[in-house]
Protein backbone atom coordinates (compact mmCIF):
# COMPACT_ATOMS: atom_id res chain seq x y z
CA MET A 1 -17.31 20.47 42.50
CA LEU A 2 -17.38 16.85 41.31
CA SER A 3 -20.09 17.68 38.75
CA LYS A 4 -17.91 20.49 37.29
CA VAL A 5 -14.93 18.12 36.95
CA LEU A 6 -17.10 15.46 35.31
CA GLY A 7 -18.66 18.07 33.05
CA GLY A 8 -15.22 19.27 31.98
CA MET A 9 -14.13 15.71 31.28
CA ILE A 10 -17.21 15.11 29.12
CA VAL A 11 -16.53 18.30 27.10
CA ALA A 12 -12.87 17.28 26.66
CA ALA A 13 -13.88 13.78 25.54
CA ALA A 14 -16.36 15.24 23.05
CA LEU A 15 -13.69 17.55 21.60
CA LEU A 16 -11.24 14.66 21.29
CA GLY A 17 -13.92 12.61 19.58
CA MET A 18 -14.51 15.37 17.03
CA THR A 19 -10.77 15.57 16.34
CA ALA A 20 -10.61 11.82 15.73
CA VAL A 21 -13.49 12.05 13.25
CA ALA A 22 -11.84 14.97 11.43
CA GLU A 23 -8.64 12.93 10.95
CA GLN A 24 -10.14 9.91 9.24
CA SER A 25 -7.70 7.79 7.26
CA SER A 26 -8.10 7.08 3.55
CA THR A 27 -6.71 4.29 1.39
CA ILE A 28 -5.43 5.49 -1.98
CA LYS A 29 -3.92 3.44 -4.81
CA GLY A 30 -1.58 5.23 -7.18
CA THR A 31 1.96 5.76 -8.43
CA VAL A 32 4.63 7.48 -6.34
CA PHE A 33 6.86 10.12 -7.93
CA SER A 34 9.76 12.01 -6.32
CA SER A 35 11.30 15.19 -7.65
CA LYS A 36 13.24 18.19 -6.42
CA THR A 37 12.45 21.87 -6.68
CA SER A 38 14.96 24.35 -8.08
CA SER A 39 15.97 25.07 -4.47
CA GLY A 40 16.68 21.36 -3.86
CA ALA A 41 13.62 20.62 -1.70
CA LYS A 42 12.16 17.15 -2.19
CA ILE A 43 8.59 16.83 -3.46
CA VAL A 44 6.78 13.48 -3.38
CA THR A 45 3.48 13.02 -5.22
CA LEU A 46 1.01 10.13 -5.24
CA THR A 47 -0.78 10.17 -8.59
CA ALA A 48 -4.11 8.35 -8.30
CA PRO A 49 -7.22 8.05 -10.50
CA GLY A 50 -9.03 10.46 -8.14
CA GLY A 51 -6.33 13.14 -8.28
CA ASN A 52 -2.84 13.99 -7.09
CA TYR A 53 -1.68 14.06 -3.49
CA THR A 54 1.41 15.85 -2.18
CA VAL A 55 3.06 13.63 0.42
CA VAL A 56 4.07 15.16 3.75
CA ILE A 57 7.85 14.68 4.06
CA ASP A 58 8.12 13.14 7.53
CA ASP A 59 9.80 9.77 8.29
CA ARG A 60 7.01 7.72 6.64
CA GLY A 61 6.84 10.08 3.66
CA LYS A 62 10.60 9.75 3.15
CA SER A 63 10.33 5.96 3.42
CA LEU A 64 7.53 5.88 0.83
CA ALA A 65 9.62 8.03 -1.52
CA SER A 66 12.77 5.91 -1.20
CA ASP A 67 11.01 2.53 -1.41
CA MET A 68 8.35 3.26 -4.02
CA ASP A 69 9.59 6.03 -6.33
CA GLY A 70 8.19 5.32 -9.80
CA LYS A 71 6.15 2.35 -8.51
CA LYS A 72 2.53 1.66 -7.67
CA ALA A 73 1.49 1.56 -4.01
CA GLU A 74 -1.54 1.35 -1.79
CA VAL A 75 -1.15 4.16 0.75
CA VAL A 76 -3.13 4.58 3.95
CA GLY A 77 -2.96 8.14 5.22
CA ILE A 78 -4.64 11.30 6.41
CA VAL A 79 -5.72 13.67 3.62
CA THR A 80 -6.02 17.39 4.32
CA LYS A 81 -6.55 20.37 2.02
CA GLU A 82 -4.09 23.27 1.87
CA GLY A 83 -5.58 25.67 -0.62
CA ASN A 84 -6.07 23.63 -3.81
CA THR A 85 -3.51 20.99 -2.77
CA ASN A 86 -4.40 17.60 -1.33
CA MET A 87 -1.79 16.86 1.36
CA LEU A 88 -1.25 13.20 2.34
CA ARG A 89 0.32 12.23 5.67
CA VAL A 90 1.38 8.59 5.24
CA LEU A 91 0.39 6.12 7.94
CA SER A 92 1.39 2.95 6.05
CA TYR A 93 1.87 1.65 2.53
CA ASN A 94 2.19 -1.57 0.57
CA PRO A 95 3.54 -2.15 -2.93
CA ILE A 96 1.18 -3.08 -5.76
CA LEU A 97 2.80 -5.63 -8.05
CA THR A 98 1.47 -6.26 -11.55
CA GLY A 99 2.25 -9.60 -13.11
CA ARG A 100 1.11 -12.98 -14.36
CA VAL A 101 0.14 -15.62 -11.81
CA GLU A 102 1.70 -19.05 -12.20
CA ALA A 103 0.17 -21.76 -10.01
CA THR A 104 0.91 -25.45 -9.57
CA MET A 105 -1.62 -27.88 -8.13
CA ASP A 106 -1.34 -31.51 -7.10
CA GLN A 107 -3.61 -34.29 -8.40
CA ALA A 108 -6.16 -33.60 -5.66
CA GLY A 109 -6.41 -29.95 -6.78
CA ALA A 110 -4.55 -28.46 -3.81
CA VAL A 111 -2.31 -25.48 -4.58
CA THR A 112 1.34 -26.43 -4.03
CA MET A 113 3.12 -23.37 -5.46
CA VAL A 114 2.21 -19.87 -6.64
CA ARG A 115 4.47 -17.33 -8.31
CA LEU A 116 3.88 -13.80 -9.50
CA ILE A 117 5.96 -13.02 -12.57
CA THR A 118 6.49 -9.27 -13.01
CA PRO A 119 8.61 -7.51 -15.66
CA ASP A 120 11.38 -7.03 -13.04
CA ARG A 121 11.45 -10.36 -11.17
CA THR A 122 9.58 -13.40 -9.98
CA TYR A 123 8.04 -13.54 -6.51
CA GLU A 124 7.24 -16.70 -4.58
CA ILE A 125 3.78 -16.24 -3.06
CA VAL A 126 3.39 -17.26 0.59
CA LEU A 127 0.76 -20.00 0.69
CA ASP A 128 -1.50 -18.58 3.37
CA ASP A 129 -5.26 -18.23 2.70
CA LYS A 130 -4.85 -15.26 0.30
CA GLY A 131 -1.91 -16.84 -1.52
CA ILE A 132 -3.86 -20.06 -2.11
CA GLU A 133 -6.91 -18.07 -3.22
CA LEU A 134 -4.72 -16.15 -5.69
CA GLY A 135 -3.40 -19.41 -7.14
CA LYS A 136 -6.83 -21.04 -7.44
CA LYS A 137 -8.69 -18.06 -8.91
CA MET A 138 -6.06 -16.29 -11.00
CA GLY A 139 -3.66 -18.90 -12.36
CA GLY A 140 -2.40 -17.79 -15.80
CA GLN A 141 -3.96 -14.31 -15.51
CA MET A 142 -2.57 -10.81 -15.11
CA VAL A 143 -3.26 -9.28 -11.68
CA ASP A 144 -2.54 -6.27 -9.52
CA ALA A 145 -1.60 -7.67 -6.10
CA VAL A 146 -1.20 -5.62 -2.92
CA GLY A 147 1.03 -7.04 -0.21
CA THR A 148 4.39 -7.18 1.48
CA ILE A 149 7.74 -8.13 -0.03
CA ASN A 150 10.12 -10.27 2.02
CA LYS A 151 13.66 -10.71 0.73
CA LYS A 152 15.31 -13.87 2.00
CA LYS A 153 18.61 -15.57 1.43
CA ILE A 154 18.84 -19.34 1.37
CA LEU A 155 22.39 -20.67 0.94
CA PHE A 156 23.59 -17.44 -0.72
CA ILE A 157 20.66 -17.40 -3.15
CA GLY A 158 18.25 -14.48 -2.96
CA LYS A 159 14.55 -15.24 -2.86
CA ASN A 160 11.73 -12.71 -3.12
CA GLU A 161 8.60 -13.70 -1.23
CA PHE A 162 5.33 -11.82 -1.48
CA ILE A 163 2.59 -11.96 1.14
CA VAL A 164 -0.69 -11.15 -0.61
CA LYS A 165 -3.10 -8.80 1.13
CA SER A 166 -5.53 -8.37 -1.80
CA PHE A 167 -5.64 -8.80 -5.56
CA GLU A 168 -7.73 -7.99 -8.62
CA HIS A 169 -7.63 -8.52 -12.38
CA HIS A 170 -5.16 -6.13 -13.99
CA LYS A 171 -6.91 -3.49 -16.07
CA GLU A 172 -4.91 -2.04 -18.94
CA ALA A 173 -4.57 1.75 -18.81
CA GLY A 174 -6.41 3.76 -21.43
């Protein structure tokens, strides 16, 4: 009896393991676009160099659409095929900001301030390891930076902070 129970548990564990492998997450960088069908249904698409992905409209898909419509994002999600359509179930996302890096260093060469100047606004870069690396390596250059935006108010003045996750030289399209 015990061997049958253990055998059943091993089969169940193997099946669960196969399901986990089938639902492997992917990281895709692209631009998010929202539109509506003639019937009023919302369609969200991630347009990436490797193709287009139709975003599943659940809570995270709605959040991606409202936060990133018309903007570049790095999206982590589960990709499945439905006919010829790549469906993307969003697990998480981060904005990709394109701009010029402005860095200030003291006399000893330590980074004291880093900003990312985009066409829309200027972001103060948080000076953690990645922020300092951005300032040292990319000062004066155009970059695509992936990270998190924090909006703060200090004495009624708005401040946009950006926590850098990764960055690379900006490559012009075309």
